[in-house]
Amino acid sequence: MKKAIYHRYNQERNVSNNSETMDYIPFQQDLQEREQHIIVMRHGDRLDTAQPSWRLTAKRPWDPPLLKLGKSRAFNLGKLMKKDLLSVQIDRVIVSPFIRCVETASEIVTALCTIKDNVDFYDPSKVKVCFELGLSEIFNSRNLGTAALRKVISFDLPKLEAMFPAGTVDHTAEPVNQIISARVESSLDAMLRYTRVIRELADKYPYENLLLVTHKYGVVTAVSGFMDNTYVHRADVCGYSHLKRKISFSPSDDVIIAGKYEVMTSKTGESGVEYCPLSERALYD
């Protein structure tokens, strides 16, 4: 029987009146419960921030790789996650196909799968990996140069898949977005995209804790898109936001009831992300 997912609170607000709607939820007995965690992380330190001249000769100037520092930062964070940094076991890593995100995710997955801190031995069953175009960078000329206007953004997925430990890539997974965007995006467009994609990915894998490796504005959205009147004024490289919700499900697995998202990200910046009430935005701009 096909699963039906109901939401106690529909977080996808009506932009015109900022309304929230509640799904009709059929009466169910004997529901079991679990928590689902969604970690939304920014990629590591990118090469072109330290070497701006790299862009002048690069074939894909909009798709810079990581610095060595960025790779080591991501790997070390992966080791901390393995040691219960968030008290959450990551089941699936979902990645923007931009190379800086893929390299970040590759380091984290390697750390999560490594056996006894020996990178020559790993257990690929620890985590699964898939790619998601909906987690891509904001689709505009500021972030992607003329490539966005000319719509020449493309990715070599087999090459990107080969960057992960053998056996970790889930080849059966289908992205929720088949394209990044049908048009050039404003910041609001991107926020709506990230919010929708985060929610759809969580619904697609309701029994899994997810790590979404994306871009700065995706991390920002994972706070401000799920908490009213909030301004995110810091989202560092490898910084992350943390969402949680309750999942109730029937023993027959035909009905899943998803609770309201809670933003678990601390305001004080331990995760590399800081935010404040929208009324205090002027203090940081």
Foldseek 3Di string as FASTA:
>chain_A
DAADEFEQWDLLADVVVRDIDHGDDDDDPPWDKDKAKEKEWEFFAFDCVVPVCVLVPDPQSLQTAHDPVRLVVLLVVLLCVLVCVPVFQAAEEEEEQRRRGLSSVQSSQLNNFDDPPDSVDGDLNSYAYYYALLQEDQQACVRRNCCSVVVVDDHDVVVSVVSHPPPRYDPVDDYPDPHNDPHHDDLVRSLSSLLVRSVVVCVVCVPGHYYYYHHQSSQQSLPPSQDDQKGKQWRHHRAIWMKMWMWIADPVRRYIYIYRIDTPDDQPQPRGIHMDGNVCVVVRD
